[in-house]
Amino acid sequence: MALFKKRTAGKPGEWFYCLVHKKVEEGPECPAKDRFGPYASRQEAQHAMDTARERNLEWENDPRWHDAPAGGTEEG
């Protein structure tokens, strides 16, 4: 018996952004590994890459995410 039921059709109102086709989809059309979402609206899904870029910048500039030892420098 499978632990997780594979969902083949999305629910109306669930929006995804496909990273392969670079398009917004209502309901999951592409595999989970190739998409962001679900989003509550088409507009949110359309801005998925902008949201990801903003979050990446925040994380890159967050001192809690750096692996450098306290008071030291990173070896390179």
N, C-alpha and C. Protein backbone atom coordinates (compact mmCIF):
# COMPACT_ATOMS: atom_id res chain seq x y z
N MET A 1 0.84 -1.18 0.00
CA MET A 1 0.00 0.00 0.00
C MET A 1 0.89 1.24 0.00
N ALA A 2 0.60 2.17 -0.86
CA ALA A 2 1.37 3.40 -0.96
C ALA A 2 1.10 4.31 0.24
N LEU A 3 2.16 4.98 0.69
CA LEU A 3 2.01 5.90 1.81
C LEU A 3 1.32 7.19 1.40
N PHE A 4 1.60 7.62 0.18
CA PHE A 4 1.04 8.87 -0.30
C PHE A 4 0.25 8.61 -1.57
N LYS A 5 -0.91 9.18 -1.64
CA LYS A 5 -1.74 9.04 -2.83
C LYS A 5 -1.29 10.07 -3.85
N LYS A 6 -0.97 9.62 -5.05
CA LYS A 6 -0.55 10.53 -6.10
C LYS A 6 -1.76 11.31 -6.60
N ARG A 7 -1.63 12.61 -6.57
CA ARG A 7 -2.72 13.47 -7.03
C ARG A 7 -2.50 13.79 -8.50
N THR A 8 -3.41 13.38 -9.32
CA THR A 8 -3.25 13.58 -10.76
C THR A 8 -3.94 14.84 -11.25
N ALA A 9 -4.90 15.34 -10.51
CA ALA A 9 -5.63 16.55 -10.92
C ALA A 9 -5.61 17.56 -9.79
N GLY A 10 -5.49 18.82 -10.16
CA GLY A 10 -5.47 19.86 -9.16
C GLY A 10 -6.86 20.28 -8.75
N LYS A 11 -6.90 21.02 -7.68
CA LYS A 11 -8.17 21.57 -7.23
C LYS A 11 -8.40 22.91 -7.91
N PRO A 12 -9.61 23.23 -8.27
CA PRO A 12 -9.87 24.56 -8.83
C PRO A 12 -9.44 25.62 -7.82
N GLY A 13 -8.77 26.64 -8.31
CA GLY A 13 -8.33 27.71 -7.44
C GLY A 13 -6.91 27.53 -6.92
N GLU A 14 -6.28 26.39 -7.19
CA GLU A 14 -4.87 26.19 -6.84
C GLU A 14 -4.03 26.55 -8.06
N TRP A 15 -3.08 27.42 -7.86
CA TRP A 15 -2.25 27.89 -8.96
C TRP A 15 -0.80 27.51 -8.70
N PHE A 16 -0.09 27.15 -9.76
CA PHE A 16 1.31 26.74 -9.69
C PHE A 16 2.09 27.47 -10.77
N TYR A 17 3.42 27.55 -10.56
CA TYR A 17 4.30 28.09 -11.60
C TYR A 17 5.23 26.97 -12.01
N CYS A 18 5.19 26.58 -13.29
CA CYS A 18 6.03 25.51 -13.80
C CYS A 18 7.40 26.08 -14.16
N LEU A 19 8.45 25.52 -13.57
CA LEU A 19 9.81 25.99 -13.81
C LEU A 19 10.35 25.53 -15.16
N VAL A 20 9.82 24.44 -15.68
CA VAL A 20 10.27 23.92 -16.97
C VAL A 20 9.65 24.70 -18.12
N HIS A 21 8.34 24.87 -18.08
CA HIS A 21 7.62 25.54 -19.17
C HIS A 21 7.50 27.04 -18.97
N LYS A 22 7.89 27.51 -17.76
CA LYS A 22 7.84 28.94 -17.42
C LYS A 22 6.44 29.51 -17.66
N LYS A 23 5.45 28.80 -17.08
CA LYS A 23 4.07 29.25 -17.23
C LYS A 23 3.28 28.94 -15.97
N VAL A 24 2.16 29.64 -15.83
CA VAL A 24 1.25 29.45 -14.71
C VAL A 24 0.28 28.34 -15.08
N GLU A 25 -0.01 27.46 -14.11
CA GLU A 25 -0.94 26.36 -14.33
C GLU A 25 -1.99 26.38 -13.24
N GLU A 26 -3.24 26.11 -13.60
CA GLU A 26 -4.27 25.93 -12.56
C GLU A 26 -4.31 24.44 -12.27
N GLY A 27 -4.02 24.10 -11.04
CA GLY A 27 -3.89 22.69 -10.68
C GLY A 27 -2.53 22.19 -11.15
N PRO A 28 -1.99 21.18 -10.49
CA PRO A 28 -0.67 20.70 -10.89
C PRO A 28 -0.73 19.93 -12.21
N GLU A 29 -0.12 20.47 -13.23
CA GLU A 29 -0.02 19.77 -14.51
C GLU A 29 1.32 19.08 -14.63
N CYS A 30 2.37 19.70 -14.10
CA CYS A 30 3.71 19.15 -14.18
C CYS A 30 4.11 18.53 -12.84
N PRO A 31 5.15 17.68 -12.84
CA PRO A 31 5.59 17.05 -11.59
C PRO A 31 5.98 18.08 -10.53
N ALA A 32 5.83 17.69 -9.27
CA ALA A 32 6.12 18.59 -8.15
C ALA A 32 7.55 19.13 -8.19
N LYS A 33 8.49 18.32 -8.66
CA LYS A 33 9.89 18.76 -8.70
C LYS A 33 10.11 19.91 -9.68
N ASP A 34 9.15 20.15 -10.56
CA ASP A 34 9.28 21.18 -11.58
C ASP A 34 8.38 22.38 -11.38
N ARG A 35 7.85 22.56 -10.16
CA ARG A 35 6.91 23.67 -9.99
C ARG A 35 7.01 24.29 -8.60
N PHE A 36 6.57 25.53 -8.52
CA PHE A 36 6.38 26.24 -7.26
C PHE A 36 4.89 26.32 -7.01
N GLY A 37 4.50 26.27 -5.74
CA GLY A 37 3.09 26.44 -5.41
C GLY A 37 2.63 25.38 -4.44
N PRO A 38 1.39 25.40 -4.09
CA PRO A 38 0.28 26.14 -4.70
C PRO A 38 0.20 27.58 -4.20
N TYR A 39 -0.35 28.41 -5.04
CA TYR A 39 -0.62 29.80 -4.73
C TYR A 39 -2.14 30.00 -4.73
N ALA A 40 -2.58 31.01 -4.03
CA ALA A 40 -4.01 31.28 -3.91
C ALA A 40 -4.60 31.93 -5.15
N SER A 41 -3.75 32.57 -5.96
CA SER A 41 -4.28 33.26 -7.14
C SER A 41 -3.30 33.15 -8.30
N ARG A 42 -3.84 33.39 -9.49
CA ARG A 42 -3.01 33.39 -10.70
C ARG A 42 -1.91 34.46 -10.58
N GLN A 43 -2.26 35.62 -10.03
CA GLN A 43 -1.29 36.72 -9.91
C GLN A 43 -0.12 36.32 -9.02
N GLU A 44 -0.39 35.65 -7.90
CA GLU A 44 0.69 35.20 -7.03
C GLU A 44 1.60 34.23 -7.77
N ALA A 45 1.02 33.31 -8.52
CA ALA A 45 1.81 32.34 -9.27
C ALA A 45 2.64 33.03 -10.36
N GLN A 46 2.09 34.06 -10.98
CA GLN A 46 2.83 34.79 -12.02
C GLN A 46 4.07 35.45 -11.46
N HIS A 47 4.05 35.78 -10.18
CA HIS A 47 5.19 36.45 -9.54
C HIS A 47 6.06 35.49 -8.73
N ALA A 48 5.92 34.20 -8.98
CA ALA A 48 6.64 33.18 -8.22
C ALA A 48 8.16 33.38 -8.29
N MET A 49 8.68 33.69 -9.46
CA MET A 49 10.13 33.86 -9.59
C MET A 49 10.60 35.13 -8.88
N ASP A 50 9.81 36.19 -8.91
CA ASP A 50 10.16 37.41 -8.18
C ASP A 50 10.18 37.13 -6.68
N THR A 51 9.18 36.40 -6.20
CA THR A 51 9.11 36.06 -4.78
C THR A 51 10.31 35.22 -4.38
N ALA A 52 10.67 34.24 -5.20
CA ALA A 52 11.83 33.39 -4.90
C ALA A 52 13.12 34.22 -4.88
N ARG A 53 13.26 35.13 -5.84
CA ARG A 53 14.46 35.99 -5.90
C ARG A 53 14.56 36.86 -4.64
N GLU A 54 13.43 37.45 -4.22
CA GLU A 54 13.42 38.29 -3.02
C GLU A 54 13.78 37.47 -1.77
N ARG A 55 13.22 36.28 -1.65
CA ARG A 55 13.52 35.44 -0.50
C ARG A 55 14.97 35.00 -0.49
N ASN A 56 15.52 34.67 -1.66
CA ASN A 56 16.93 34.29 -1.73
C ASN A 56 17.83 35.42 -1.27
N LEU A 57 17.51 36.65 -1.69
CA LEU A 57 18.29 37.81 -1.26
C LEU A 57 18.23 37.99 0.26
N GLU A 58 17.03 37.83 0.81
CA GLU A 58 16.88 37.95 2.27
C GLU A 58 17.72 36.91 2.99
N TRP A 59 17.69 35.67 2.50
CA TRP A 59 18.44 34.60 3.15
C TRP A 59 19.95 34.80 2.99
N GLU A 60 20.39 35.26 1.82
CA GLU A 60 21.82 35.49 1.59
C GLU A 60 22.36 36.58 2.51
N ASN A 61 21.50 37.54 2.87
CA ASN A 61 21.93 38.65 3.72
C ASN A 61 21.60 38.43 5.20
N ASP A 62 21.07 37.29 5.55
CA ASP A 62 20.73 36.99 6.93
C ASP A 62 21.94 36.33 7.61
N PRO A 63 22.51 36.98 8.63
CA PRO A 63 23.72 36.43 9.26
C PRO A 63 23.50 35.07 9.91
N ARG A 64 22.27 34.72 10.21
CA ARG A 64 22.00 33.40 10.82
C ARG A 64 22.23 32.26 9.84
N TRP A 65 22.31 32.54 8.54
CA TRP A 65 22.44 31.48 7.54
C TRP A 65 23.88 31.30 7.07
N HIS A 66 24.82 32.08 7.56
CA HIS A 66 26.21 31.95 7.12
C HIS A 66 26.94 30.93 7.98
N ASP A 67 27.82 30.15 7.34
CA ASP A 67 28.54 29.08 8.03
C ASP A 67 29.89 29.52 8.58
N ALA A 68 30.26 30.77 8.41
CA ALA A 68 31.55 31.24 8.91
C ALA A 68 31.56 31.18 10.43
N PRO A 69 32.67 30.74 11.02
CA PRO A 69 32.74 30.72 12.48
C PRO A 69 32.64 32.14 13.05
N ALA A 70 32.07 32.26 14.22
CA ALA A 70 31.92 33.57 14.86
C ALA A 70 33.28 34.23 15.04
N GLY A 71 33.41 35.45 14.56
CA GLY A 71 34.65 36.20 14.71
C GLY A 71 35.75 35.79 13.75
N GLY A 72 35.49 34.85 12.86
CA GLY A 72 36.51 34.39 11.91
C GLY A 72 36.12 34.72 10.49
N THR A 73 36.92 34.22 9.58
CA THR A 73 36.62 34.40 8.17
C THR A 73 36.43 33.03 7.54
N GLU A 74 35.74 33.05 6.44
CA GLU A 74 35.51 31.79 5.72
C GLU A 74 36.79 31.43 4.97
N GLU A 75 37.10 30.13 4.94
CA GLU A 75 38.25 29.68 4.17
C GLU A 75 37.81 29.47 2.74
N GLY A 76 38.64 29.81 1.79
CA GLY A 76 38.19 29.68 0.41
C GLY A 76 39.16 29.13 -0.49
